[in-house]
Amino acid sequence: MIAPVERAARTQVMFREVNERIAELTRHSALGVTLFVCECSRQDCIEALELTADQYEQVRCRDDRFLVADGHELEEIERVVDREDGFLVVEKYGRAAAVAAGLSTR
């Protein structure tokens, strides 16, 4: 049985993988902003977040950081490290950080 902390981190990594594909597909887009999915731990979340490719890369360059909609942070496994217009950047700590790093695709 997977522990709740590990399940939450795995869910967030799954959403980040979706965003990785979005970033790949829109890398050369002239639109400026792209819709990414919220990378929170809620399995039923369908929030869309508007970011530029550069904003996404600034978050994604660290395995322990994720994009989430305001109010979707989970204090038991992450802390808010940045607040932007329309989204938060959270940083995992403890076991959740280790799971996220271990599942990183980069």
Protein backbone atom coordinates (compact mmCIF):
# COMPACT_ATOMS: atom_id res chain seq x y z
CA MET A 1 0.00 0.00 0.00
CA ILE A 2 1.33 3.43 -0.96
CA ALA A 3 1.60 5.99 1.86
CA PRO A 4 -0.50 9.17 1.44
CA VAL A 5 2.62 11.35 1.11
CA GLU A 6 4.02 9.14 -1.63
CA ARG A 7 0.65 8.98 -3.42
CA ALA A 8 0.38 12.78 -3.39
CA ALA A 9 3.90 13.17 -4.77
CA ARG A 10 3.29 10.56 -7.47
CA THR A 11 0.11 12.38 -8.54
CA GLN A 12 2.00 15.63 -8.84
CA VAL A 13 4.75 14.01 -10.87
CA MET A 14 2.11 12.59 -13.22
CA PHE A 15 0.66 16.08 -13.82
CA ARG A 16 4.18 17.42 -14.34
CA GLU A 17 4.74 14.80 -17.06
CA VAL A 18 1.65 16.13 -18.83
CA ASN A 19 3.13 19.62 -18.62
CA GLU A 20 6.44 18.36 -19.99
CA ARG A 21 4.62 17.19 -23.14
CA ILE A 22 2.75 20.50 -23.37
CA ALA A 23 6.06 22.37 -23.11
CA GLU A 24 7.60 20.21 -25.83
CA LEU A 25 4.66 20.75 -28.18
CA THR A 26 4.48 24.50 -27.65
CA ARG A 27 8.19 25.28 -27.40
CA HIS A 28 8.21 27.17 -30.69
CA SER A 29 4.79 28.73 -30.35
CA ALA A 30 4.42 32.41 -31.11
CA LEU A 31 1.52 32.77 -28.65
CA GLY A 32 3.65 33.79 -25.67
CA VAL A 33 1.57 32.04 -23.02
CA THR A 34 0.52 28.43 -22.84
CA LEU A 35 -2.06 26.63 -20.75
CA PHE A 36 -0.48 24.14 -18.38
CA VAL A 37 -2.29 21.86 -15.93
CA CYS A 38 -2.20 22.36 -12.19
CA GLU A 39 0.36 19.98 -10.70
CA CYS A 40 -1.36 19.63 -7.33
CA SER A 41 -1.91 16.34 -5.52
CA ARG A 42 -5.68 16.26 -6.21
CA GLN A 43 -6.30 13.44 -8.66
CA ASP A 44 -9.50 15.10 -9.92
CA CYS A 45 -8.03 18.59 -10.46
CA ILE A 46 -8.71 20.16 -13.85
CA GLU A 47 -7.37 23.69 -13.25
CA ALA A 48 -5.54 25.32 -16.16
CA LEU A 49 -2.68 27.73 -15.48
CA GLU A 50 -1.39 30.35 -17.95
CA LEU A 51 2.39 30.60 -18.09
CA THR A 52 5.08 31.50 -20.54
CA ALA A 53 7.60 28.86 -21.57
CA ASP A 54 10.26 30.72 -19.57
CA GLN A 55 8.10 30.71 -16.43
CA TYR A 56 7.53 26.99 -16.81
CA GLU A 57 11.25 26.30 -17.24
CA GLN A 58 12.11 28.35 -14.14
CA VAL A 59 9.89 26.06 -12.07
CA ARG A 60 10.69 22.80 -13.86
CA CYS A 61 14.47 23.13 -13.63
CA ARG A 62 14.15 21.82 -10.05
CA ASP A 63 12.70 18.36 -9.39
CA ASP A 64 11.20 19.42 -6.05
CA ARG A 65 9.15 22.35 -7.41
CA PHE A 66 5.65 22.24 -8.89
CA LEU A 67 3.03 24.64 -10.31
CA VAL A 68 -0.28 24.69 -8.49
CA ALA A 69 -3.40 26.81 -8.49
CA ASP A 70 -3.82 29.12 -5.51
CA GLY A 71 -5.34 27.12 -2.65
CA HIS A 72 -4.14 23.75 -4.02
CA GLU A 73 -0.95 23.65 -1.94
CA LEU A 74 -0.66 20.82 0.59
CA GLU A 75 1.18 22.09 3.67
CA GLU A 76 1.97 18.57 4.90
CA ILE A 77 4.38 17.93 2.00
CA GLU A 78 5.24 21.30 0.41
CA ARG A 79 5.75 24.99 1.06
CA VAL A 80 4.92 27.95 -1.18
CA VAL A 81 8.14 29.51 -2.49
CA ASP A 82 6.69 31.90 -5.07
CA ARG A 83 3.35 33.52 -5.82
CA GLU A 84 2.68 34.60 -9.38
CA ASP A 85 -0.42 36.04 -10.98
CA GLY A 86 -2.58 32.95 -11.51
CA PHE A 87 -0.44 30.25 -9.89
CA LEU A 88 1.84 29.28 -7.02
CA VAL A 89 5.20 27.55 -7.04
CA VAL A 90 5.51 24.96 -4.29
CA GLU A 91 8.59 23.11 -3.10
CA LYS A 92 8.37 19.58 -1.74
CA TYR A 93 10.17 18.62 1.45
CA GLY A 94 10.89 15.39 3.29
CA ARG A 95 9.71 12.11 1.80
CA ALA A 96 7.65 13.89 -0.89
CA ALA A 97 10.80 15.64 -2.20
CA ALA A 98 12.63 12.32 -2.37
CA VAL A 99 9.76 10.66 -4.27
CA ALA A 100 9.53 13.57 -6.72
CA ALA A 101 13.28 13.48 -7.38
CA GLY A 102 13.24 9.71 -7.81
CA LEU A 103 10.47 9.90 -10.41
CA SER A 104 11.92 12.84 -12.35
CA THR A 105 12.07 12.41 -16.11
CA ARG A 106 14.89 14.94 -16.53
